[in-house]
Amino acid sequence: MSGARFAIEVRERYGDVVRDRWPVSIDPQPDELLSSWLHRLAIANGIAPRPFASVLELGDGMWSPRLDLRLPREVATLLTGRTDVPHETISAMAMTGPALTPLLLPLRENVRRNRSTWMQYCPQCLADDEVPYFRRPWRLATRISCFVHGRGLRDRCPACRSGIASFDQT
């Protein structure tokens, strides 16, 4: 097919087109963890979770699980403005508060096989979800089983023994 011509046109930059709102806003699920919602929000808008940190004007590293522990006001305001999710709903997804701090699984950048990771999950809950998401209670060190399915919570892949891949930001 020689001589075929393709029409090429210069398009606007993403930031010039989407000024006030992100193209896709997703509602948080019941008892969803903030970091889980942020990952789903990033993917829904076509951005991988790791570079989504720059959209939120955050640094590298484990940015989303750190937001679970301390949600800066400017980040909450940005999320509310870009998604139409109320500020109170966004704040309620975080695990902030001095009463919760001693109960949370510790954040670990380098997870050894003999130490727990910072997140647990129920594989049956994730399999049953229409939209899989991570629950707030799964961040608690005091929670060792799923109250819905009566199964032990996992903190890593049973096959390869590595931490949860969807939240691996390194």
N, C-alpha and C. Protein backbone atom coordinates (compact mmCIF):
# COMPACT_ATOMS: atom_id res chain seq x y z
N MET A 1 0.84 -1.17 0.00
CA MET A 1 0.00 0.00 0.00
C MET A 1 0.89 1.24 0.00
N SER A 2 1.51 1.51 -1.12
CA SER A 2 2.42 2.66 -1.22
C SER A 2 1.63 3.94 -1.39
N GLY A 3 2.21 4.99 -0.92
CA GLY A 3 1.58 6.29 -1.06
C GLY A 3 0.49 6.57 -0.04
N ALA A 4 0.30 5.69 0.96
CA ALA A 4 -0.71 5.93 1.99
C ALA A 4 -0.27 7.10 2.86
N ARG A 5 -1.20 7.93 3.17
CA ARG A 5 -0.89 9.10 3.99
C ARG A 5 -1.73 9.05 5.25
N PHE A 6 -1.11 9.45 6.34
CA PHE A 6 -1.78 9.49 7.62
C PHE A 6 -1.92 10.94 8.05
N ALA A 7 -3.07 11.27 8.54
CA ALA A 7 -3.29 12.62 9.04
C ALA A 7 -2.69 12.73 10.43
N ILE A 8 -1.80 13.67 10.61
CA ILE A 8 -1.17 13.90 11.90
C ILE A 8 -1.49 15.33 12.31
N GLU A 9 -1.97 15.45 13.53
CA GLU A 9 -2.25 16.79 14.03
C GLU A 9 -1.66 16.94 15.42
N VAL A 10 -1.30 18.14 15.75
CA VAL A 10 -0.74 18.43 17.07
C VAL A 10 -1.89 18.59 18.04
N ARG A 11 -1.82 17.83 19.14
CA ARG A 11 -2.88 17.87 20.15
C ARG A 11 -2.40 18.69 21.35
N GLU A 12 -3.36 19.11 22.15
CA GLU A 12 -3.04 19.87 23.35
C GLU A 12 -2.36 18.97 24.36
N ARG A 13 -1.60 19.60 25.27
CA ARG A 13 -0.98 18.86 26.36
C ARG A 13 -2.05 18.49 27.38
N TYR A 14 -1.83 17.40 28.07
CA TYR A 14 -2.79 16.90 29.07
C TYR A 14 -3.13 17.99 30.08
N GLY A 15 -2.13 18.68 30.56
CA GLY A 15 -2.35 19.73 31.56
C GLY A 15 -3.13 20.91 31.03
N ASP A 16 -3.05 21.17 29.73
CA ASP A 16 -3.80 22.27 29.14
C ASP A 16 -5.27 21.90 28.93
N VAL A 17 -5.52 20.62 28.71
CA VAL A 17 -6.88 20.16 28.46
C VAL A 17 -7.63 19.94 29.78
N VAL A 18 -6.95 19.36 30.75
CA VAL A 18 -7.57 19.00 32.03
C VAL A 18 -7.03 19.97 33.09
N ARG A 19 -7.70 21.07 33.25
CA ARG A 19 -7.22 22.07 34.20
C ARG A 19 -7.83 21.89 35.59
N ASP A 20 -9.12 21.79 35.66
CA ASP A 20 -9.79 21.79 36.96
C ASP A 20 -10.08 20.40 37.50
N ARG A 21 -10.47 19.50 36.66
CA ARG A 21 -10.86 18.15 37.09
C ARG A 21 -10.07 17.12 36.31
N TRP A 22 -9.80 15.98 36.96
CA TRP A 22 -9.21 14.87 36.23
C TRP A 22 -10.30 14.22 35.41
N PRO A 23 -9.94 13.61 34.29
CA PRO A 23 -10.96 13.04 33.40
C PRO A 23 -11.84 11.99 34.08
N VAL A 24 -11.25 11.19 34.97
CA VAL A 24 -12.00 10.11 35.62
C VAL A 24 -11.94 10.30 37.13
N SER A 25 -13.10 10.28 37.75
CA SER A 25 -13.18 10.30 39.20
C SER A 25 -13.88 9.02 39.63
N ILE A 26 -13.29 8.33 40.58
CA ILE A 26 -13.88 7.08 41.07
C ILE A 26 -14.28 7.25 42.52
N ASP A 27 -15.37 6.64 42.87
CA ASP A 27 -15.84 6.71 44.25
C ASP A 27 -15.07 5.71 45.11
N PRO A 28 -14.72 6.12 46.33
CA PRO A 28 -14.09 5.17 47.25
C PRO A 28 -15.08 4.05 47.61
N GLN A 29 -14.55 2.88 47.82
CA GLN A 29 -15.35 1.73 48.25
C GLN A 29 -15.54 1.79 49.77
N PRO A 30 -16.51 1.06 50.30
CA PRO A 30 -16.72 1.07 51.76
C PRO A 30 -15.47 0.62 52.51
N ASP A 31 -15.03 1.43 53.44
CA ASP A 31 -13.87 1.14 54.30
C ASP A 31 -12.57 0.99 53.50
N GLU A 32 -12.49 1.67 52.34
CA GLU A 32 -11.28 1.58 51.52
C GLU A 32 -10.15 2.39 52.14
N LEU A 33 -8.96 1.86 52.03
CA LEU A 33 -7.75 2.53 52.48
C LEU A 33 -7.37 3.61 51.47
N LEU A 34 -6.90 4.74 51.96
CA LEU A 34 -6.56 5.87 51.09
C LEU A 34 -5.58 5.47 49.99
N SER A 35 -4.50 4.75 50.34
CA SER A 35 -3.51 4.37 49.33
C SER A 35 -4.12 3.48 48.25
N SER A 36 -5.07 2.64 48.62
CA SER A 36 -5.75 1.80 47.64
C SER A 36 -6.54 2.65 46.66
N TRP A 37 -7.30 3.62 47.17
CA TRP A 37 -8.09 4.51 46.32
C TRP A 37 -7.19 5.34 45.41
N LEU A 38 -6.05 5.81 45.93
CA LEU A 38 -5.14 6.61 45.12
C LEU A 38 -4.56 5.80 43.96
N HIS A 39 -4.25 4.54 44.21
CA HIS A 39 -3.74 3.68 43.13
C HIS A 39 -4.82 3.45 42.09
N ARG A 40 -6.04 3.18 42.53
CA ARG A 40 -7.13 2.97 41.59
C ARG A 40 -7.42 4.25 40.80
N LEU A 41 -7.34 5.40 41.47
CA LEU A 41 -7.57 6.69 40.82
C LEU A 41 -6.51 6.96 39.76
N ALA A 42 -5.25 6.69 40.09
CA ALA A 42 -4.16 6.90 39.13
C ALA A 42 -4.37 6.03 37.90
N ILE A 43 -4.62 4.76 38.11
CA ILE A 43 -4.79 3.82 36.98
C ILE A 43 -6.00 4.20 36.14
N ALA A 44 -7.09 4.62 36.78
CA ALA A 44 -8.29 5.03 36.05
C ALA A 44 -8.02 6.22 35.14
N ASN A 45 -7.06 7.07 35.52
CA ASN A 45 -6.72 8.24 34.73
C ASN A 45 -5.52 8.00 33.81
N GLY A 46 -5.13 6.73 33.68
CA GLY A 46 -4.07 6.39 32.74
C GLY A 46 -2.67 6.69 33.21
N ILE A 47 -2.48 6.79 34.52
CA ILE A 47 -1.16 7.10 35.08
C ILE A 47 -0.77 5.95 36.00
N ALA A 48 0.45 5.46 35.86
CA ALA A 48 0.93 4.42 36.77
C ALA A 48 1.03 5.01 38.17
N PRO A 49 0.81 4.20 39.20
CA PRO A 49 0.84 4.72 40.57
C PRO A 49 2.14 5.42 40.96
N ARG A 50 3.27 4.90 40.54
CA ARG A 50 4.54 5.52 40.95
C ARG A 50 4.67 6.97 40.47
N PRO A 51 4.47 7.28 39.18
CA PRO A 51 4.57 8.68 38.75
C PRO A 51 3.41 9.56 39.22
N PHE A 52 2.34 8.93 39.74
CA PHE A 52 1.21 9.72 40.25
C PHE A 52 1.63 10.58 41.43
N ALA A 53 2.72 10.21 42.09
CA ALA A 53 3.25 11.02 43.19
C ALA A 53 3.58 12.44 42.73
N SER A 54 4.11 12.58 41.52
CA SER A 54 4.45 13.93 41.03
C SER A 54 3.20 14.73 40.72
N VAL A 55 2.11 14.07 40.32
CA VAL A 55 0.84 14.75 40.09
C VAL A 55 0.33 15.34 41.40
N LEU A 56 0.58 14.63 42.50
CA LEU A 56 0.17 15.10 43.83
C LEU A 56 1.23 15.98 44.49
N GLU A 57 2.31 16.24 43.75
CA GLU A 57 3.43 17.06 44.22
C GLU A 57 4.09 16.45 45.45
N LEU A 58 4.29 15.12 45.38
CA LEU A 58 4.95 14.38 46.45
C LEU A 58 6.27 13.83 45.94
N GLY A 59 7.13 13.41 46.84
CA GLY A 59 8.42 12.85 46.47
C GLY A 59 8.33 11.38 46.11
N ASP A 60 9.49 10.79 45.88
CA ASP A 60 9.57 9.38 45.54
C ASP A 60 9.43 8.53 46.79
N GLY A 61 9.60 7.24 46.61
CA GLY A 61 9.56 6.31 47.73
C GLY A 61 8.15 5.79 47.95
N MET A 62 7.88 5.40 49.16
CA MET A 62 6.58 4.81 49.51
C MET A 62 5.59 5.92 49.84
N TRP A 63 5.25 6.72 48.85
CA TRP A 63 4.42 7.90 49.09
C TRP A 63 2.99 7.55 49.49
N SER A 64 2.37 6.55 48.86
CA SER A 64 0.96 6.30 49.16
C SER A 64 0.73 5.69 50.54
N PRO A 65 1.52 4.71 51.00
CA PRO A 65 1.29 4.23 52.36
C PRO A 65 1.62 5.28 53.42
N ARG A 66 2.51 6.20 53.09
CA ARG A 66 2.80 7.29 54.04
C ARG A 66 1.60 8.24 54.14
N LEU A 67 0.87 8.42 53.04
CA LEU A 67 -0.33 9.26 53.09
C LEU A 67 -1.42 8.61 53.95
N ASP A 68 -1.41 7.28 54.05
CA ASP A 68 -2.34 6.61 54.94
C ASP A 68 -2.14 7.07 56.38
N LEU A 69 -0.89 7.35 56.73
CA LEU A 69 -0.54 7.70 58.10
C LEU A 69 -0.64 9.19 58.38
N ARG A 70 -0.36 10.01 57.36
CA ARG A 70 -0.42 11.46 57.54
C ARG A 70 -0.80 12.08 56.20
N LEU A 71 -2.01 12.60 56.12
CA LEU A 71 -2.52 13.21 54.89
C LEU A 71 -2.39 14.72 55.01
N PRO A 72 -1.41 15.32 54.31
CA PRO A 72 -1.27 16.77 54.36
C PRO A 72 -2.52 17.47 53.81
N ARG A 73 -2.86 18.58 54.41
CA ARG A 73 -4.05 19.33 54.03
C ARG A 73 -4.04 19.72 52.56
N GLU A 74 -2.86 20.12 52.03
CA GLU A 74 -2.79 20.55 50.63
C GLU A 74 -3.06 19.39 49.67
N VAL A 75 -2.65 18.18 50.04
CA VAL A 75 -2.93 17.01 49.20
C VAL A 75 -4.42 16.68 49.24
N ALA A 76 -5.01 16.73 50.43
CA ALA A 76 -6.45 16.48 50.56
C ALA A 76 -7.25 17.51 49.77
N THR A 77 -6.84 18.76 49.82
CA THR A 77 -7.52 19.82 49.07
C THR A 77 -7.40 19.61 47.57
N LEU A 78 -6.21 19.22 47.11
CA LEU A 78 -6.00 18.94 45.69
C LEU A 78 -6.89 17.78 45.24
N LEU A 79 -6.92 16.70 46.02
CA LEU A 79 -7.74 15.55 45.67
C LEU A 79 -9.22 15.90 45.63
N THR A 80 -9.69 16.68 46.60
CA THR A 80 -11.09 17.09 46.62
C THR A 80 -11.42 17.93 45.39
N GLY A 81 -10.55 18.85 45.05
CA GLY A 81 -10.79 19.73 43.90
C GLY A 81 -10.76 19.01 42.56
N ARG A 82 -9.91 18.00 42.44
CA ARG A 82 -9.76 17.30 41.16
C ARG A 82 -10.72 16.13 40.98
N THR A 83 -11.37 15.69 42.08
CA THR A 83 -12.21 14.49 41.98
C THR A 83 -13.66 14.70 42.38
N ASP A 84 -13.97 15.77 43.07
CA ASP A 84 -15.31 16.01 43.62
C ASP A 84 -15.67 15.06 44.76
N VAL A 85 -14.71 14.29 45.27
CA VAL A 85 -14.94 13.47 46.46
C VAL A 85 -14.78 14.40 47.66
N PRO A 86 -15.75 14.44 48.57
CA PRO A 86 -15.68 15.37 49.70
C PRO A 86 -14.43 15.18 50.55
N HIS A 87 -13.94 16.28 51.08
CA HIS A 87 -12.74 16.30 51.93
C HIS A 87 -12.89 15.31 53.09
N GLU A 88 -14.06 15.27 53.70
CA GLU A 88 -14.30 14.39 54.85
C GLU A 88 -14.15 12.92 54.45
N THR A 89 -14.61 12.57 53.26
CA THR A 89 -14.51 11.19 52.78
C THR A 89 -13.06 10.82 52.55
N ILE A 90 -12.29 11.72 51.95
CA ILE A 90 -10.87 11.48 51.70
C ILE A 90 -10.12 11.33 53.01
N SER A 91 -10.36 12.22 53.95
CA SER A 91 -9.69 12.16 55.26
C SER A 91 -10.05 10.89 56.02
N ALA A 92 -11.28 10.42 55.87
CA ALA A 92 -11.73 9.23 56.60
C ALA A 92 -11.04 7.96 56.09
N MET A 93 -10.48 7.98 54.87
CA MET A 93 -9.79 6.81 54.34
C MET A 93 -8.40 6.64 54.94
N ALA A 94 -7.84 7.71 55.50
CA ALA A 94 -6.50 7.65 56.09
C ALA A 94 -6.56 6.98 57.46
N MET A 95 -5.44 6.52 57.94
CA MET A 95 -5.35 5.85 59.24
C MET A 95 -4.70 6.79 60.26
N THR A 96 -5.11 8.03 60.26
CA THR A 96 -4.51 9.01 61.14
C THR A 96 -5.13 8.95 62.53
N GLY A 97 -4.44 9.52 63.45
CA GLY A 97 -4.93 9.56 64.82
C GLY A 97 -3.98 8.84 65.75
N PRO A 98 -3.71 9.43 66.89
CA PRO A 98 -2.74 8.84 67.82
C PRO A 98 -3.19 7.49 68.38
N ALA A 99 -4.48 7.23 68.45
CA ALA A 99 -4.96 5.95 68.99
C ALA A 99 -4.64 4.79 68.05
N LEU A 100 -4.61 5.04 66.74
CA LEU A 100 -4.35 3.98 65.77
C LEU A 100 -2.87 3.69 65.57
N THR A 101 -2.02 4.68 65.77
CA THR A 101 -0.60 4.55 65.45
C THR A 101 0.05 3.30 66.01
N PRO A 102 -0.12 2.97 67.30
CA PRO A 102 0.56 1.75 67.81
C PRO A 102 -0.01 0.45 67.25
N LEU A 103 -1.17 0.50 66.62
CA LEU A 103 -1.80 -0.71 66.12
C LEU A 103 -1.46 -1.02 64.66
N LEU A 104 -0.81 -0.08 63.97
CA LEU A 104 -0.55 -0.24 62.53
C LEU A 104 0.67 -1.11 62.26
N LEU A 105 0.61 -1.85 61.17
CA LEU A 105 1.78 -2.58 60.70
C LEU A 105 2.84 -1.56 60.30
N PRO A 106 4.11 -1.79 60.62
CA PRO A 106 5.15 -0.81 60.29
C PRO A 106 5.45 -0.79 58.80
N LEU A 107 5.77 0.42 58.31
CA LEU A 107 6.19 0.55 56.91
C LEU A 107 7.62 0.04 56.79
N ARG A 108 7.87 -0.78 55.80
CA ARG A 108 9.22 -1.29 55.57
C ARG A 108 9.54 -1.16 54.09
N GLU A 109 10.62 -0.43 53.80
CA GLU A 109 11.04 -0.27 52.41
C GLU A 109 11.64 -1.57 51.88
N ASN A 110 12.36 -2.30 52.75
CA ASN A 110 13.03 -3.52 52.34
C ASN A 110 12.44 -4.67 53.15
N VAL A 111 11.59 -5.44 52.51
CA VAL A 111 10.87 -6.51 53.21
C VAL A 111 11.65 -7.82 53.09
N ARG A 112 12.08 -8.32 54.23
CA ARG A 112 12.71 -9.64 54.25
C ARG A 112 11.63 -10.69 54.40
N ARG A 113 11.92 -11.87 53.95
CA ARG A 113 10.92 -12.94 53.96
C ARG A 113 10.46 -13.33 55.36
N ASN A 114 11.27 -13.07 56.38
CA ASN A 114 10.90 -13.47 57.73
C ASN A 114 10.21 -12.33 58.51
N ARG A 115 9.94 -11.20 57.85
CA ARG A 115 9.29 -10.07 58.51
C ARG A 115 8.00 -9.73 57.78
N SER A 116 7.03 -9.23 58.52
CA SER A 116 5.76 -8.89 57.89
C SER A 116 5.90 -7.63 57.04
N THR A 117 5.04 -7.50 56.05
CA THR A 117 5.00 -6.30 55.24
C THR A 117 4.04 -5.31 55.88
N TRP A 118 3.87 -4.15 55.30
CA TRP A 118 3.03 -3.11 55.90
C TRP A 118 1.55 -3.28 55.57
N MET A 119 1.22 -4.25 54.73
CA MET A 119 -0.17 -4.44 54.32
C MET A 119 -0.51 -5.92 54.31
N GLN A 120 -1.70 -6.23 54.77
CA GLN A 120 -2.24 -7.58 54.69
C GLN A 120 -3.47 -7.55 53.79
N TYR A 121 -3.92 -8.73 53.38
CA TYR A 121 -5.11 -8.78 52.53
C TYR A 121 -5.77 -10.14 52.67
N CYS A 122 -7.05 -10.18 52.34
CA CYS A 122 -7.80 -11.42 52.27
C CYS A 122 -7.94 -11.76 50.79
N PRO A 123 -7.34 -12.84 50.32
CA PRO A 123 -7.44 -13.17 48.90
C PRO A 123 -8.88 -13.42 48.45
N GLN A 124 -9.72 -13.92 49.33
CA GLN A 124 -11.11 -14.19 48.97
C GLN A 124 -11.88 -12.89 48.79
N CYS A 125 -11.64 -11.90 49.66
CA CYS A 125 -12.30 -10.59 49.50
C CYS A 125 -11.92 -9.97 48.15
N LEU A 126 -10.62 -9.99 47.83
CA LEU A 126 -10.18 -9.40 46.56
C LEU A 126 -10.77 -10.15 45.38
N ALA A 127 -10.87 -11.47 45.48
CA ALA A 127 -11.45 -12.26 44.39
C ALA A 127 -12.94 -12.00 44.24
N ASP A 128 -13.62 -11.75 45.35
CA ASP A 128 -15.06 -11.52 45.32
C ASP A 128 -15.44 -10.11 44.90
N ASP A 129 -14.52 -9.15 45.06
CA ASP A 129 -14.81 -7.75 44.75
C ASP A 129 -15.07 -7.55 43.27
N GLU A 130 -16.09 -6.77 42.94
CA GLU A 130 -16.28 -6.36 41.56
C GLU A 130 -15.14 -5.44 41.16
N VAL A 131 -14.78 -4.55 42.07
CA VAL A 131 -13.63 -3.67 41.93
C VAL A 131 -12.71 -3.97 43.13
N PRO A 132 -11.62 -4.72 42.92
CA PRO A 132 -10.76 -5.06 44.06
C PRO A 132 -10.15 -3.82 44.71
N TYR A 133 -10.14 -3.82 46.04
CA TYR A 133 -9.56 -2.72 46.79
C TYR A 133 -9.09 -3.22 48.14
N PHE A 134 -8.21 -2.45 48.78
CA PHE A 134 -7.66 -2.81 50.08
C PHE A 134 -8.41 -2.07 51.19
N ARG A 135 -8.75 -2.82 52.24
CA ARG A 135 -9.55 -2.28 53.34
C ARG A 135 -8.67 -1.67 54.43
N ARG A 136 -9.22 -0.68 55.13
CA ARG A 136 -8.53 -0.02 56.23
C ARG A 136 -8.11 -1.01 57.32
N PRO A 137 -9.00 -1.92 57.76
CA PRO A 137 -8.60 -2.83 58.84
C PRO A 137 -7.41 -3.73 58.50
N TRP A 138 -7.12 -3.93 57.23
CA TRP A 138 -6.00 -4.78 56.85
C TRP A 138 -4.66 -4.16 57.21
N ARG A 139 -4.62 -2.86 57.49
CA ARG A 139 -3.37 -2.20 57.90
C ARG A 139 -3.06 -2.43 59.39
N LEU A 140 -4.02 -2.95 60.14
CA LEU A 140 -3.84 -3.11 61.57
C LEU A 140 -3.08 -4.40 61.89
N ALA A 141 -2.07 -4.28 62.75
CA ALA A 141 -1.30 -5.45 63.17
C ALA A 141 -2.15 -6.38 64.02
N THR A 142 -3.20 -5.86 64.62
CA THR A 142 -4.07 -6.67 65.47
C THR A 142 -5.05 -7.52 64.69
N ARG A 143 -5.18 -7.28 63.40
CA ARG A 143 -6.10 -8.03 62.55
C ARG A 143 -5.31 -9.16 61.89
N ILE A 144 -5.65 -10.39 62.19
CA ILE A 144 -4.92 -11.51 61.60
C ILE A 144 -5.80 -12.40 60.72
N SER A 145 -7.12 -12.15 60.77
CA SER A 145 -8.01 -12.94 59.93
C SER A 145 -9.12 -12.06 59.38
N CYS A 146 -9.74 -12.54 58.31
CA CYS A 146 -10.85 -11.83 57.68
C CYS A 146 -12.12 -12.16 58.44
N PHE A 147 -12.83 -11.15 58.88
CA PHE A 147 -14.07 -11.36 59.62
C PHE A 147 -15.19 -11.86 58.71
N VAL A 148 -15.08 -11.62 57.41
CA VAL A 148 -16.10 -12.06 56.45
C VAL A 148 -15.92 -13.53 56.09
N HIS A 149 -14.68 -13.92 55.78
CA HIS A 149 -14.43 -15.28 55.28
C HIS A 149 -13.81 -16.21 56.32
N GLY A 150 -13.37 -15.67 57.46
CA GLY A 150 -12.77 -16.51 58.49
C GLY A 150 -11.43 -17.09 58.11
N ARG A 151 -10.77 -16.49 57.11
CA ARG A 151 -9.46 -16.97 56.66
C ARG A 151 -8.38 -16.04 57.19
N GLY A 152 -7.18 -16.59 57.34
CA GLY A 152 -6.05 -15.78 57.75
C GLY A 152 -5.69 -14.77 56.68
N LEU A 153 -5.30 -13.58 57.10
CA LEU A 153 -4.85 -12.56 56.16
C LEU A 153 -3.43 -12.88 55.71
N ARG A 154 -3.13 -12.55 54.48
CA ARG A 154 -1.79 -12.75 53.92
C ARG A 154 -1.09 -11.40 53.84
N ASP A 155 0.23 -11.44 53.88
CA ASP A 155 0.99 -10.21 53.71
C ASP A 155 1.97 -10.29 52.54
N ARG A 156 1.90 -11.38 51.78
CA ARG A 156 2.77 -11.54 50.62
C ARG A 156 2.21 -12.62 49.70
N CYS A 157 2.76 -12.71 48.54
CA CYS A 157 2.34 -13.72 47.56
C CYS A 157 2.73 -15.11 48.09
N PRO A 158 1.78 -16.04 48.13
CA PRO A 158 2.12 -17.37 48.63
C PRO A 158 3.08 -18.14 47.71
N ALA A 159 3.13 -17.79 46.44
CA ALA A 159 3.99 -18.50 45.50
C ALA A 159 5.45 -18.03 45.56
N CYS A 160 5.66 -16.72 45.46
CA CYS A 160 7.03 -16.21 45.39
C CYS A 160 7.51 -15.58 46.70
N ARG A 161 6.59 -15.40 47.65
CA ARG A 161 6.89 -14.85 48.98
C ARG A 161 7.32 -13.38 48.96
N SER A 162 7.04 -12.64 47.88
CA SER A 162 7.38 -11.21 47.85
C SER A 162 6.17 -10.40 48.31
N GLY A 163 6.42 -9.13 48.67
CA GLY A 163 5.35 -8.25 49.13
C GLY A 163 4.30 -8.03 48.06
N ILE A 164 3.25 -7.37 48.42
CA ILE A 164 2.13 -7.14 47.51
C ILE A 164 2.60 -6.29 46.34
N ALA A 165 2.51 -6.84 45.13
CA ALA A 165 3.06 -6.20 43.93
C ALA A 165 2.35 -4.90 43.58
N SER A 166 1.03 -4.82 43.77
CA SER A 166 0.31 -3.63 43.35
C SER A 166 0.68 -2.40 44.16
N PHE A 167 1.29 -2.60 45.33
CA PHE A 167 1.69 -1.47 46.15
C PHE A 167 3.21 -1.34 46.20
N ASP A 168 3.93 -2.11 45.41
CA ASP A 168 5.38 -2.02 45.38
C ASP A 168 5.77 -0.79 44.59
N GLN A 169 6.34 0.20 45.27
CA GLN A 169 6.65 1.47 44.61
C GLN A 169 8.13 1.70 44.45
N THR A 170 8.93 0.66 44.65
CA THR A 170 10.37 0.86 44.54
C THR A 170 10.92 0.30 43.26
